[in-house]
Amino acid sequence: MYIERLIILETQPKEKRIRNIPFSKGLNFVVDADGSAKGNNVGKTTVLRLIDICLGANDIKNIYVDSESSSKNVVLEKYIIEHKVSVILVVSTQFEEGPEKVTYELKVDLYPRGKKYINGTALKRVDYLQQLKDIFFTNSSSATFRQLIKKFVRIDLKGDNDKFLKFLHVITSNIDYINIYSTLFSFNNDSVNEKAHELSERLRSLDNDMKVYKRINAYQDENELHQRINTLDKRISKLKSDLDDLVNSQEFKLNEEEIAHIRLQYRKLQNELEKTSFERDRAKDIYDEAISSFREVDKNVLETLYKETSEIFLNLNKEFSQLVEFNNQLLVNKTSFYESLLLEKEEEVKQLKSSLDLMFEKNKDAILLIDSKNVEKYYDIQRELEKYQELSGGVKEVYERVKSYNSERETLIARLAEIDIDKEGIDKKIEYFNSYFSEYSYSLSNESYLIYYVQADNGFPLGITGSESGTFSTGTKKSTILAFDLAYLKYAEHYEIKGPKFIIHDVLESMDDNAFKNLVDIMNRIDGQYIVAVLKEKISSYDFVSQEMIKLELSTDNKLFKV
């Protein structure tokens, strides 16, 4: 599938074409005529973004929001919304007119709540992407359209990049890349790919579940759980031994309910004894105080009191001697009362102690001769034992779940290993790809590279190295990425793999004259398109760059949207 043209269209107040950018086979330059390496926001990269949006990218706001500075072009945003601007990408199976040519018009509204259309039919995004996959790739692949198309549309390459084989978001799994490259390179037939992907997806889902389960249950691996279980079980055995040292735990268990009742009654008697002992001690304190204060009253004081009272009450009918006798009688009564109360409480304490001793003696057999001091200790150990048994049970449950997970994981890996992958056929295909990749990379960057198929379980499927040095530079130039993508076009043509016939790169890096000339020569020998943004001053002096290769020339006076 080729890109024929890109159209920018106003739909309000009436339909009006703002741009009609044609593309052709070979080199297609979008030029910034102002000559700033940083760019002047004239829209050369936006042209590429518009193509990507028509190919399902969901970041329409990046047309007027700078991804690095987050600054917004308010004028452009207002223009797009007010004039209901849309973009149309025309793609076709071939440039030449004829009965075999099939053309698709991909239209996307750039304003909020806009729609997506294929050949005039409005579609939901999920249906839009599914139809794009049918148009550009084999639909039997379980890889998504956006996963596959990102290999052909590289807009956000930040300078040198040694991760160009991993062209998707960093969270993309190796399993996804296995499926993607198997589809792109047609390493296996569709049924094998589907089976491998299904098993790989189940394996990934299982691994994700394991990560969550591990985090929730706070463990590292199966061996850690095994050691924790051993330690807990040893602690449980020690606690059981401690119980056996106090009493025969099996016999104790048989009488446990009876013992619980006896301990309750025993505790009630103890509480009553404590209360009565307190009352007795209080009565004794008051009695002792009364005894110490019992003495002959000072008659002079009483006589003075009597005379003062007589003066107030003239008809007082009591003699002074009677007053003395009354006072002495009060002290006698107080002492007598508390003496009687003290004797009563002492008797109660005596009886309660006797009852406690009798209960203990009577129930010695029921509590299996447990010393009263060890009863509480027994229950303390029993409570600790229950706690550790509960902990051990929880860890054992996790351990069994992990063992089950690991067993299922091993089964899935074994089934993946049993899949009949044509490794010999894959090696031949890689060899064919490298025949062009090594040539193109040397022509464009003076370094020859090759890729190889990695056969590790669920590892990244491709590796890259220097054909001579055996190493790969950590700062891969864009020219090497370009060599890889151009080699793929040649590879796909040879193996008749359905897919895009174009490559889209953002801002071609500096190349020397010879490398640039080699690029032109390579494109003349490839049935495909290379669409790239470039500074005009970079190509203006090259006589091997024709005017027909320049598809759009932008400047501050001629911006993409003309606003």
Protein backbone atom coordinates (compact mmCIF):
# COMPACT_ATOMS: atom_id res chain seq x y z
CA MET A 1 0.00 0.00 0.00
CA TYR A 2 1.36 3.42 -1.08
CA ILE A 3 0.52 6.96 0.02
CA GLU A 4 -0.78 8.97 -2.95
CA ARG A 5 -1.62 12.30 -1.33
CA LEU A 6 -2.47 14.22 1.82
CA ILE A 7 -5.30 16.75 1.76
CA ILE A 8 -6.08 19.36 4.42
CA LEU A 9 -9.66 20.52 4.19
CA GLU A 10 -11.80 23.28 5.72
CA THR A 11 -15.44 22.22 6.05
CA GLN A 12 -16.86 25.43 7.58
CA PRO A 13 -18.31 27.78 6.49
CA LYS A 14 -17.87 25.90 3.22
CA GLU A 15 -15.59 23.16 1.96
CA LYS A 16 -12.18 24.44 0.94
CA ARG A 17 -8.89 22.63 0.27
CA ILE A 18 -6.00 24.19 2.15
CA ARG A 19 -3.35 21.70 1.01
CA ASN A 20 -3.20 18.96 -1.59
CA ILE A 21 0.19 17.29 -1.16
CA PRO A 22 1.01 14.58 -3.73
CA PHE A 23 3.49 11.79 -3.06
CA SER A 24 5.24 9.39 -5.41
CA LYS A 25 7.51 6.38 -5.34
CA GLY A 26 11.06 6.98 -4.20
CA LEU A 27 12.16 10.04 -2.19
CA ASN A 28 9.54 12.51 -0.92
CA PHE A 29 10.88 15.58 0.88
CA VAL A 30 8.88 17.96 3.07
CA VAL A 31 11.15 21.00 3.17
CA ASP A 32 11.66 23.81 5.67
CA ALA A 33 12.90 26.67 3.50
CA ASP A 34 13.87 28.93 6.40
CA GLY A 35 16.95 26.87 7.16
CA SER A 36 16.77 26.61 10.96
CA ALA A 37 17.96 23.28 12.27
CA LYS A 38 15.57 23.64 15.20
CA GLY A 39 12.73 24.52 12.88
CA ASN A 40 10.36 27.45 12.85
CA ASN A 41 7.10 25.68 13.61
CA VAL A 42 6.16 26.00 9.97
CA GLY A 43 4.64 22.51 9.94
CA LYS A 44 7.07 20.11 8.26
CA THR A 45 6.84 17.61 11.13
CA THR A 46 3.11 18.25 11.38
CA VAL A 47 2.71 16.90 7.83
CA LEU A 48 4.09 13.59 9.10
CA ARG A 49 1.90 13.72 12.19
CA LEU A 50 -1.17 14.21 10.02
CA ILE A 51 -0.26 11.07 8.08
CA ASP A 52 0.09 9.21 11.39
CA ILE A 53 -3.28 10.53 12.58
CA CYS A 54 -4.92 9.21 9.44
CA LEU A 55 -3.21 5.91 10.29
CA GLY A 56 -4.92 5.75 13.68
CA ALA A 57 -2.70 7.84 15.99
CA ASN A 58 -4.79 9.26 18.80
CA ASP A 59 -2.77 12.41 19.60
CA ILE A 60 -4.54 15.03 17.50
CA LYS A 61 -3.71 17.77 20.01
CA ASN A 62 -0.02 17.40 19.12
CA ILE A 63 -0.80 19.31 15.94
CA TYR A 64 -0.97 22.51 17.96
CA VAL A 65 0.72 21.54 21.27
CA ASP A 66 4.51 21.23 21.41
CA SER A 67 5.31 17.79 22.91
CA GLU A 68 8.51 19.05 24.56
CA SER A 69 7.55 22.48 25.92
CA SER A 70 3.78 21.81 26.16
CA SER A 71 3.24 25.29 24.71
CA LYS A 72 0.07 25.66 22.65
CA ASN A 73 -0.41 27.36 19.31
CA VAL A 74 -3.69 29.03 20.26
CA VAL A 75 -4.18 30.60 16.82
CA LEU A 76 -3.91 27.24 15.05
CA GLU A 77 -6.17 25.53 17.59
CA LYS A 78 -8.84 28.21 17.13
CA TYR A 79 -8.57 27.97 13.34
CA ILE A 80 -9.01 24.18 13.34
CA ILE A 81 -12.06 24.35 15.60
CA GLU A 82 -13.77 27.30 13.90
CA HIS A 83 -13.29 25.98 10.37
CA LYS A 84 -13.88 22.32 11.28
CA VAL A 85 -10.63 21.25 9.62
CA SER A 86 -10.22 17.65 8.45
CA VAL A 87 -7.34 15.73 6.95
CA ILE A 88 -7.55 13.10 4.21
CA LEU A 89 -4.93 10.48 3.39
CA VAL A 90 -5.34 8.75 0.03
CA VAL A 91 -3.66 5.33 -0.14
CA SER A 92 -3.70 2.81 -2.94
CA THR A 93 -2.34 -0.57 -3.93
CA GLN A 94 -0.44 0.94 -6.90
CA PHE A 95 0.22 4.27 -8.54
CA GLU A 96 -0.53 3.10 -12.06
CA GLU A 97 -4.15 3.27 -13.11
CA GLY A 98 -5.74 -0.04 -13.95
CA PRO A 99 -8.40 -2.56 -12.91
CA GLU A 100 -6.18 -4.00 -10.17
CA LYS A 101 -5.73 -0.65 -8.43
CA VAL A 102 -7.65 -0.26 -5.17
CA THR A 103 -7.79 3.16 -3.49
CA TYR A 104 -8.87 4.10 0.02
CA GLU A 105 -9.66 7.55 1.36
CA LEU A 106 -8.86 7.83 5.10
CA LYS A 107 -10.40 10.94 6.61
CA VAL A 108 -10.09 12.24 10.18
CA ASP A 109 -11.72 15.34 11.66
CA LEU A 110 -9.12 17.34 13.62
CA TYR A 111 -11.56 19.23 15.82
CA PRO A 112 -13.03 18.02 19.14
CA ARG A 113 -15.60 15.22 18.85
CA GLY A 114 -14.73 14.80 15.19
CA LYS A 115 -15.16 11.49 13.39
CA LYS A 116 -13.09 9.05 11.37
CA TYR A 117 -14.07 7.84 7.91
CA ILE A 118 -12.97 5.26 5.39
CA ASN A 119 -14.28 5.88 1.90
CA GLY A 120 -16.91 8.21 3.33
CA THR A 121 -18.23 5.85 6.01
CA ALA A 122 -17.97 7.13 9.60
CA LEU A 123 -16.48 4.56 11.97
CA LYS A 124 -15.76 4.17 15.66
CA ARG A 125 -12.04 4.16 16.41
CA VAL A 126 -11.91 0.43 17.11
CA ASP A 127 -13.63 -0.35 13.79
CA TYR A 128 -11.48 2.22 12.00
CA LEU A 129 -8.30 0.52 13.24
CA GLN A 130 -9.62 -2.93 12.38
CA GLN A 131 -10.37 -1.89 8.82
CA LEU A 132 -6.93 -0.28 8.52
CA LYS A 133 -5.44 -3.60 9.55
CA ASP A 134 -7.45 -5.33 6.83
CA ILE A 135 -6.22 -2.77 4.31
CA PHE A 136 -2.53 -2.74 5.20
CA PHE A 137 -1.74 -6.13 6.77
CA THR A 138 -2.92 -9.70 7.02
CA ASN A 139 -5.86 -9.72 9.37
CA SER A 140 -5.00 -13.15 10.76
CA SER A 141 -2.19 -11.65 12.83
CA SER A 142 -3.06 -11.06 16.49
CA ALA A 143 -0.80 -8.01 16.57
CA THR A 144 -2.74 -4.74 16.51
CA PHE A 145 -2.63 -2.34 13.59
CA ARG A 146 -0.94 0.40 15.66
CA GLN A 147 1.71 -2.07 16.84
CA LEU A 148 2.55 -2.96 13.26
CA ILE A 149 2.33 0.47 11.60
CA LYS A 150 4.73 2.09 14.11
CA LYS A 151 7.52 0.17 12.40
CA PHE A 152 6.87 2.26 9.25
CA VAL A 153 6.04 5.63 10.81
CA ARG A 154 8.90 6.82 13.03
CA ILE A 155 8.15 10.43 13.89
CA ASP A 156 9.56 10.96 17.37
CA LEU A 157 13.11 9.67 16.99
CA LYS A 158 15.19 11.69 19.44
CA GLY A 159 18.61 11.93 17.82
CA ASP A 160 20.74 8.80 18.08
CA ASN A 161 18.85 5.77 19.25
CA ASP A 162 20.01 2.25 19.98
CA LYS A 163 16.48 0.98 20.63
CA PHE A 164 15.06 1.25 17.15
CA LEU A 165 14.20 -2.44 17.09
CA LYS A 166 11.94 -1.72 20.05
CA PHE A 167 9.90 0.92 18.28
CA LEU A 168 6.86 0.83 20.61
CA HIS A 169 6.27 2.15 24.12
CA VAL A 170 8.73 0.93 26.75
CA ILE A 171 6.04 -1.14 28.50
CA THR A 172 5.56 -3.30 25.40
CA SER A 173 6.40 -6.90 26.26
CA ASN A 174 8.82 -9.21 24.48
CA ILE A 175 5.86 -11.47 23.76
CA ASP A 176 4.24 -8.66 21.76
CA TYR A 177 7.47 -8.07 19.85
CA ILE A 178 7.75 -11.80 19.07
CA ASN A 179 4.31 -11.68 17.53
CA ILE A 180 4.94 -8.37 15.73
CA TYR A 181 8.22 -9.44 14.11
CA SER A 182 6.83 -12.86 13.28
CA THR A 183 4.05 -11.06 11.39
CA LEU A 184 6.29 -8.46 9.73
CA PHE A 185 8.91 -10.98 8.64
CA SER A 186 6.49 -13.86 8.05
CA PHE A 187 8.68 -16.13 10.18
CA ASN A 188 5.92 -18.69 10.71
CA ASN A 189 2.57 -19.45 9.16
CA ASP A 190 -0.50 -17.81 10.65
CA SER A 191 -1.71 -20.87 12.60
CA VAL A 192 1.68 -21.28 14.29
CA ASN A 193 1.80 -17.56 15.08
CA GLU A 194 -1.69 -17.65 16.51
CA LYS A 195 -0.98 -20.67 18.68
CA ALA A 196 2.30 -19.19 19.91
CA HIS A 197 0.63 -15.86 20.62
CA GLU A 198 -2.24 -17.51 22.50
CA LEU A 199 0.16 -19.42 24.74
CA SER A 200 2.37 -16.37 25.15
CA GLU A 201 -0.62 -14.23 26.14
CA ARG A 202 -1.66 -16.81 28.71
CA LEU A 203 1.89 -16.85 30.01
CA ARG A 204 1.98 -13.05 30.21
CA SER A 205 -1.40 -12.96 31.97
CA LEU A 206 -0.16 -15.59 34.42
CA ASP A 207 3.03 -13.63 35.08
CA ASN A 208 1.01 -10.44 35.66
CA ASP A 209 -1.24 -12.28 38.12
CA MET A 210 1.86 -13.58 39.88
CA LYS A 211 3.26 -10.06 40.22
CA VAL A 212 0.05 -8.81 41.81
CA TYR A 213 -0.22 -11.89 44.06
CA LYS A 214 3.41 -11.49 45.11
CA ARG A 215 2.89 -7.84 45.98
CA ILE A 216 -0.28 -8.52 47.99
CA ASN A 217 1.23 -11.43 49.94
CA ALA A 218 4.67 -9.82 50.39
CA TYR A 219 7.04 -12.57 49.29
CA GLN A 220 9.89 -12.85 46.78
CA ASP A 221 9.80 -16.43 45.54
CA GLU A 222 8.81 -20.00 46.32
CA ASN A 223 11.98 -20.73 48.31
CA GLU A 224 11.29 -17.85 50.68
CA LEU A 225 7.82 -19.26 51.43
CA HIS A 226 9.33 -22.71 51.97
CA GLN A 227 11.76 -21.34 54.55
CA ARG A 228 9.04 -19.35 56.29
CA ILE A 229 6.89 -22.47 56.58
CA ASN A 230 9.81 -24.45 58.06
CA THR A 231 10.49 -21.73 60.63
CA LEU A 232 6.84 -21.39 61.63
CA ASP A 233 6.39 -25.16 61.92
CA LYS A 234 9.44 -25.39 64.19
CA ARG A 235 7.95 -22.68 66.40
CA ILE A 236 4.64 -24.56 66.49
CA SER A 237 6.43 -27.78 67.50
CA LYS A 238 8.23 -25.93 70.31
CA LEU A 239 4.97 -24.48 71.64
CA LYS A 240 3.31 -27.90 71.58
CA SER A 241 6.29 -29.30 73.49
CA ASP A 242 5.94 -26.51 76.07
CA LEU A 243 2.28 -27.46 76.56
CA ASP A 244 3.17 -31.11 76.97
CA ASP A 245 5.68 -30.13 79.67
CA LEU A 246 2.82 -28.56 81.65
CA VAL A 247 0.19 -31.23 81.15
CA ASN A 248 -0.87 -34.02 78.88
CA SER A 249 -2.48 -31.84 76.26
CA GLN A 250 -4.65 -34.61 74.80
CA GLU A 251 -6.23 -35.35 78.18
CA PHE A 252 -6.49 -31.64 78.88
CA LYS A 253 -8.41 -31.19 75.65
CA LEU A 254 -10.95 -33.78 76.72
CA ASN A 255 -11.69 -31.83 79.95
CA GLU A 256 -11.21 -28.35 78.59
CA GLU A 257 -14.89 -27.35 78.81
CA GLU A 258 -15.14 -28.58 82.38
CA ILE A 259 -11.93 -26.82 83.32
CA ALA A 260 -13.18 -23.59 81.79
CA HIS A 261 -16.28 -23.78 84.03
CA ILE A 262 -14.21 -24.51 87.12
CA ARG A 263 -11.80 -21.67 86.34
CA LEU A 264 -14.77 -19.31 86.01
CA GLN A 265 -16.17 -20.35 89.40
CA TYR A 266 -12.71 -20.25 90.91
CA ARG A 267 -12.19 -16.72 89.58
CA LYS A 268 -15.53 -15.61 91.07
CA LEU A 269 -14.48 -16.90 94.48
CA GLN A 270 -11.13 -15.16 94.13
CA ASN A 271 -12.84 -11.88 93.28
CA GLU A 272 -15.20 -12.26 96.25
CA LEU A 273 -12.22 -13.02 98.50
CA GLU A 274 -10.40 -9.92 97.27
CA LYS A 275 -13.49 -7.76 97.91
CA THR A 276 -14.11 -9.18 101.40
CA SER A 277 -10.42 -8.90 102.32
CA PHE A 278 -10.54 -5.23 101.34
CA GLU A 279 -13.65 -4.65 103.52
CA ARG A 280 -12.00 -6.44 106.44
CA ASP A 281 -8.83 -4.36 106.14
CA ARG A 282 -10.89 -1.16 106.02
CA ALA A 283 -12.86 -2.17 109.16
CA LYS A 284 -9.59 -2.91 110.97
CA ASP A 285 -8.17 0.52 110.08
CA ILE A 286 -11.26 2.27 111.51
CA TYR A 287 -11.26 0.06 114.62
CA ASP A 288 -7.58 0.77 115.31
CA GLU A 289 -8.23 4.47 114.86
CA ALA A 290 -11.14 4.32 117.35
CA ILE A 291 -9.06 2.47 119.94
CA SER A 292 -6.21 4.95 119.65
CA SER A 293 -8.58 7.88 120.15
CA PHE A 294 -10.43 6.29 123.11
CA ARG A 295 -9.30 8.19 126.29
CA GLU A 296 -10.75 10.14 129.22
CA VAL A 297 -12.30 13.34 128.00
CA ASP A 298 -10.88 16.61 129.44
CA LYS A 299 -13.57 17.53 132.00
CA ASN A 300 -12.54 21.21 131.99
CA VAL A 301 -13.39 21.39 128.29
CA LEU A 302 -16.71 19.63 128.82
CA GLU A 303 -17.47 21.85 131.82
CA THR A 304 -16.82 25.03 129.81
CA LEU A 305 -19.05 23.66 127.01
CA TYR A 306 -21.77 22.80 129.54
CA LYS A 307 -21.75 26.32 131.10
CA GLU A 308 -21.98 28.03 127.70
CA THR A 309 -24.88 25.83 126.74
CA SER A 310 -26.67 26.45 130.06
CA GLU A 311 -26.52 30.21 129.51
CA ILE A 312 -28.21 29.84 126.14
CA PHE A 313 -30.77 27.22 127.23
CA LEU A 314 -31.93 28.34 130.76
CA ASN A 315 -34.10 25.29 131.36
CA LEU A 316 -31.44 22.65 130.53
CA ASN A 317 -32.57 19.46 132.34
CA LYS A 318 -29.29 17.45 132.13
CA GLU A 319 -26.52 17.40 134.70
CA PHE A 320 -22.84 17.81 133.80
CA SER A 321 -22.13 14.24 134.90
CA GLN A 322 -24.67 12.97 132.41
CA LEU A 323 -22.82 14.76 129.59
CA VAL A 324 -19.56 13.06 130.53
CA GLU A 325 -21.23 9.67 130.63
CA PHE A 326 -22.89 10.23 127.19
CA ASN A 327 -19.61 11.10 125.51
CA ASN A 328 -17.89 8.04 126.88
CA GLN A 329 -20.75 5.85 125.68
CA LEU A 330 -20.39 7.15 122.09
CA LEU A 331 -16.77 6.02 121.95
CA VAL A 332 -17.66 2.65 123.37
CA ASN A 333 -20.41 2.12 120.78
CA LYS A 334 -18.14 3.07 117.85
CA THR A 335 -15.40 0.76 118.98
CA SER A 336 -17.85 -2.05 119.59
CA PHE A 337 -19.44 -1.72 116.12
CA TYR A 338 -16.20 -1.88 114.17
CA GLU A 339 -14.88 -4.64 116.36
CA SER A 340 -17.98 -6.67 115.51
CA LEU A 341 -17.66 -5.79 111.78
CA LEU A 342 -14.00 -6.78 111.77
CA LEU A 343 -14.76 -10.16 113.32
CA GLU A 344 -17.52 -10.72 110.75
CA LYS A 345 -15.27 -9.92 107.78
CA GLU A 346 -12.46 -12.06 109.12
CA GLU A 347 -14.89 -14.96 109.33
CA GLU A 348 -16.06 -14.36 105.75
CA VAL A 349 -12.45 -14.25 104.51
CA LYS A 350 -11.78 -17.47 106.36
CA GLN A 351 -14.79 -19.17 104.79
CA LEU A 352 -13.92 -17.96 101.27
CA LYS A 353 -10.37 -19.22 101.58
CA SER A 354 -11.72 -22.52 102.79
CA SER A 355 -14.11 -22.66 99.81
CA LEU A 356 -11.27 -21.94 97.38
CA ASP A 357 -9.08 -24.60 98.93
CA LEU A 358 -11.95 -27.06 98.89
CA MET A 359 -12.76 -26.32 95.21
CA PHE A 360 -9.16 -26.75 94.20
CA GLU A 361 -8.83 -30.00 96.16
CA LYS A 362 -12.15 -31.30 94.88
CA ASN A 363 -11.26 -30.56 91.20
CA LYS A 364 -7.63 -31.60 91.10
CA ASP A 365 -8.47 -34.56 88.86
CA ALA A 366 -10.54 -32.42 86.52
CA ILE A 367 -7.68 -30.04 85.87
CA LEU A 368 -5.24 -32.91 85.67
CA LEU A 369 -3.11 -31.82 88.59
CA ILE A 370 -2.18 -28.53 86.89
CA ASP A 371 -0.56 -26.24 89.39
CA SER A 372 -2.77 -23.15 89.77
CA LYS A 373 0.20 -20.98 88.78
CA ASN A 374 0.53 -22.87 85.47
CA VAL A 375 -3.11 -22.64 84.37
CA GLU A 376 -2.68 -19.11 82.97
CA LYS A 377 0.66 -20.05 81.45
CA TYR A 378 -1.00 -22.96 79.67
CA TYR A 379 -3.59 -20.68 78.11
CA ASP A 380 -0.97 -18.09 77.15
CA ILE A 381 1.00 -20.75 75.28
CA GLN A 382 -2.20 -22.08 73.73
CA ARG A 383 -3.11 -18.60 72.40
CA GLU A 384 0.39 -18.16 70.96
CA LEU A 385 0.17 -21.60 69.38
CA GLU A 386 -3.13 -20.70 67.70
CA LYS A 387 -1.57 -17.50 66.34
CA TYR A 388 1.37 -19.34 64.78
CA GLN A 389 -0.86 -22.10 63.42
CA GLU A 390 -2.95 -19.43 61.69
CA LEU A 391 0.20 -17.77 60.28
CA SER A 392 1.53 -21.09 59.07
CA GLY A 393 -1.79 -21.96 57.45
CA GLY A 394 -1.81 -18.65 55.55
CA VAL A 395 1.75 -19.06 54.30
CA LYS A 396 1.06 -22.67 53.28
CA GLU A 397 -1.99 -21.52 51.30
CA VAL A 398 0.17 -18.96 49.46
CA TYR A 399 2.89 -21.58 48.95
CA GLU A 400 0.47 -24.04 47.36
CA ARG A 401 -0.93 -21.28 45.12
CA VAL A 402 2.58 -20.32 44.02
CA LYS A 403 3.48 -23.94 43.32
CA SER A 404 0.34 -24.21 41.21
CA TYR A 405 1.25 -21.01 39.34
CA ASN A 406 4.80 -22.20 38.71
CA SER A 407 3.60 -25.60 37.54
CA GLU A 408 1.18 -23.97 35.09
CA ARG A 409 3.95 -21.64 33.93
CA GLU A 410 6.31 -24.54 33.26
CA THR A 411 3.56 -26.27 31.30
CA LEU A 412 2.97 -23.20 29.12
CA ILE A 413 6.70 -22.78 28.47
CA ALA A 414 6.96 -26.47 27.55
CA ARG A 415 4.02 -26.14 25.14
CA LEU A 416 5.61 -23.07 23.58
CA ALA A 417 8.83 -25.03 23.11
CA GLU A 418 6.88 -27.79 21.36
CA ILE A 419 5.52 -25.43 18.71
CA ASP A 420 7.00 -26.32 15.36
CA ILE A 421 8.98 -23.17 14.53
CA ASP A 422 10.86 -23.35 11.26
CA LYS A 423 14.20 -22.16 12.63
CA GLU A 424 16.06 -23.13 9.49
CA GLY A 425 13.59 -21.20 7.36
CA ILE A 426 13.83 -18.21 9.70
CA ASP A 427 17.63 -18.22 9.43
CA LYS A 428 17.39 -18.18 5.63
CA LYS A 429 14.99 -15.24 5.74
CA ILE A 430 17.25 -13.34 8.14
CA GLU A 431 20.20 -14.09 5.86
CA TYR A 432 18.32 -12.58 2.93
CA PHE A 433 17.39 -9.50 4.97
CA ASN A 434 21.02 -9.03 6.08
CA SER A 435 22.24 -9.09 2.50
CA TYR A 436 20.51 -5.73 2.06
CA PHE A 437 20.79 -4.40 5.64
CA SER A 438 24.57 -4.76 5.73
CA GLU A 439 24.87 -3.15 2.28
CA TYR A 440 22.53 -0.25 3.03
CA SER A 441 23.94 0.45 6.51
CA TYR A 442 27.47 0.60 5.09
CA SER A 443 26.35 2.86 2.23
CA LEU A 444 24.59 5.30 4.59
CA SER A 445 26.76 5.20 7.73
CA ASN A 446 30.07 3.51 6.78
CA GLU A 447 29.30 0.72 9.25
CA SER A 448 27.93 -2.65 8.27
CA TYR A 449 25.33 -4.22 10.54
CA LEU A 450 23.27 -7.39 10.62
CA ILE A 451 20.45 -8.82 12.69
CA TYR A 452 20.00 -12.33 14.04
CA TYR A 453 17.10 -14.34 15.43
CA VAL A 454 17.18 -14.86 19.20
CA GLN A 455 15.78 -18.23 20.28
CA ALA A 456 15.52 -17.56 24.03
CA ASP A 457 12.14 -18.33 25.62
CA ASN A 458 10.02 -15.18 25.57
CA GLY A 459 13.07 -13.00 25.05
CA PHE A 460 13.27 -10.19 22.53
CA PRO A 461 13.20 -11.92 19.12
CA LEU A 462 15.92 -9.96 17.28
CA GLY A 463 19.48 -8.98 18.04
CA ILE A 464 21.80 -6.67 16.14
CA THR A 465 25.56 -6.57 15.76
CA GLY A 466 28.34 -5.28 13.55
CA SER A 467 29.19 -7.67 10.73
CA GLU A 468 32.93 -7.00 11.15
CA SER A 469 33.45 -5.82 14.72
CA GLY A 470 30.84 -8.02 16.34
CA THR A 471 29.62 -5.03 18.32
CA PHE A 472 26.83 -2.51 17.95
CA SER A 473 27.23 1.19 18.70
CA THR A 474 25.12 2.40 21.62
CA GLY A 475 24.42 5.60 19.69
CA THR A 476 22.76 4.33 16.54
CA LYS A 477 22.49 6.95 13.85
CA LYS A 478 19.21 7.55 12.09
CA SER A 479 20.97 6.50 8.90
CA THR A 480 21.27 2.98 10.34
CA ILE A 481 17.59 2.98 11.25
CA LEU A 482 16.87 4.11 7.70
CA ALA A 483 19.03 1.28 6.34
CA PHE A 484 17.05 -1.20 8.42
CA ASP A 485 13.69 0.12 7.19
CA LEU A 486 14.83 0.23 3.56
CA ALA A 487 16.14 -3.33 3.80
CA TYR A 488 12.76 -4.39 5.13
CA LEU A 489 10.98 -2.92 2.08
CA LYS A 490 13.26 -4.98 -0.15
CA TYR A 491 12.70 -8.05 2.03
CA ALA A 492 8.89 -7.67 2.04
CA GLU A 493 8.88 -7.28 -1.73
CA HIS A 494 10.89 -10.48 -2.18
CA TYR A 495 8.71 -12.56 0.16
CA GLU A 496 5.48 -10.90 -1.03
CA ILE A 497 4.50 -9.84 2.47
CA LYS A 498 1.43 -7.63 2.63
CA GLY A 499 2.20 -4.30 4.25
CA PRO A 500 2.98 -0.61 3.70
CA LYS A 501 5.31 0.28 0.85
CA PHE A 502 6.37 3.47 2.61
CA ILE A 503 8.73 4.70 5.32
CA ILE A 504 8.07 7.93 7.21
CA HIS A 505 10.88 9.53 9.23
CA ASP A 506 11.04 12.82 11.06
CA VAL A 507 13.93 15.14 10.08
CA LEU A 508 16.72 13.48 8.16
CA GLU A 509 20.00 13.84 10.02
CA SER A 510 23.15 15.27 8.45
CA MET A 511 24.72 12.99 5.89
CA ASP A 512 27.81 13.56 3.85
CA ASP A 513 27.38 14.02 0.11
CA ASN A 514 28.32 10.44 -0.69
CA ALA A 515 25.83 8.94 1.82
CA PHE A 516 23.05 11.16 0.54
CA LYS A 517 23.80 10.18 -3.03
CA ASN A 518 23.76 6.52 -1.96
CA LEU A 519 20.32 7.07 -0.42
CA VAL A 520 19.00 8.36 -3.75
CA ASP A 521 20.53 5.38 -5.56
CA ILE A 522 19.01 2.91 -3.08
CA MET A 523 15.54 4.45 -3.40
CA ASN A 524 15.77 4.17 -7.17
CA ARG A 525 16.18 0.42 -6.75
CA ILE A 526 13.38 -0.07 -4.22
CA ASP A 527 9.68 -0.36 -4.92
CA GLY A 528 8.64 1.95 -2.14
CA GLN A 529 8.42 5.47 -0.71
CA TYR A 530 10.58 7.38 1.73
CA ILE A 531 8.78 10.42 3.15
CA VAL A 532 10.95 12.63 5.34
CA ALA A 533 11.26 16.19 6.61
CA VAL A 534 14.49 18.01 5.71
CA LEU A 535 16.01 21.50 5.63
CA LYS A 536 16.07 22.97 2.14
CA GLU A 537 19.66 24.12 2.51
CA LYS A 538 20.66 20.50 3.08
CA ILE A 539 19.51 19.33 -0.35
CA SER A 540 19.57 22.48 -2.45
CA SER A 541 23.17 21.95 -3.58
CA TYR A 542 22.72 18.31 -4.61
CA ASP A 543 22.30 17.89 -8.34
CA PHE A 544 21.06 14.32 -7.76
CA VAL A 545 18.05 15.68 -5.84
CA SER A 546 15.38 16.62 -8.36
CA GLN A 547 12.66 19.20 -7.83
CA GLU A 548 10.09 16.41 -8.21
CA MET A 549 11.33 14.92 -4.95
CA ILE A 550 10.28 18.06 -3.03
CA LYS A 551 6.57 17.55 -2.35
CA LEU A 552 6.03 20.55 -0.07
CA GLU A 553 8.12 23.59 0.76
CA LEU A 554 7.16 25.46 3.94
CA SER A 555 8.37 28.67 5.55
CA THR A 556 7.24 31.31 8.01
CA ASP A 557 5.42 32.96 5.11
CA ASN A 558 3.93 29.70 3.93
CA LYS A 559 2.97 27.60 6.93
CA LEU A 560 1.19 24.29 6.60
CA PHE A 561 -2.27 25.54 7.61
CA LYS A 562 -1.58 29.02 6.20
CA VAL A 563 -2.33 30.67 9.56
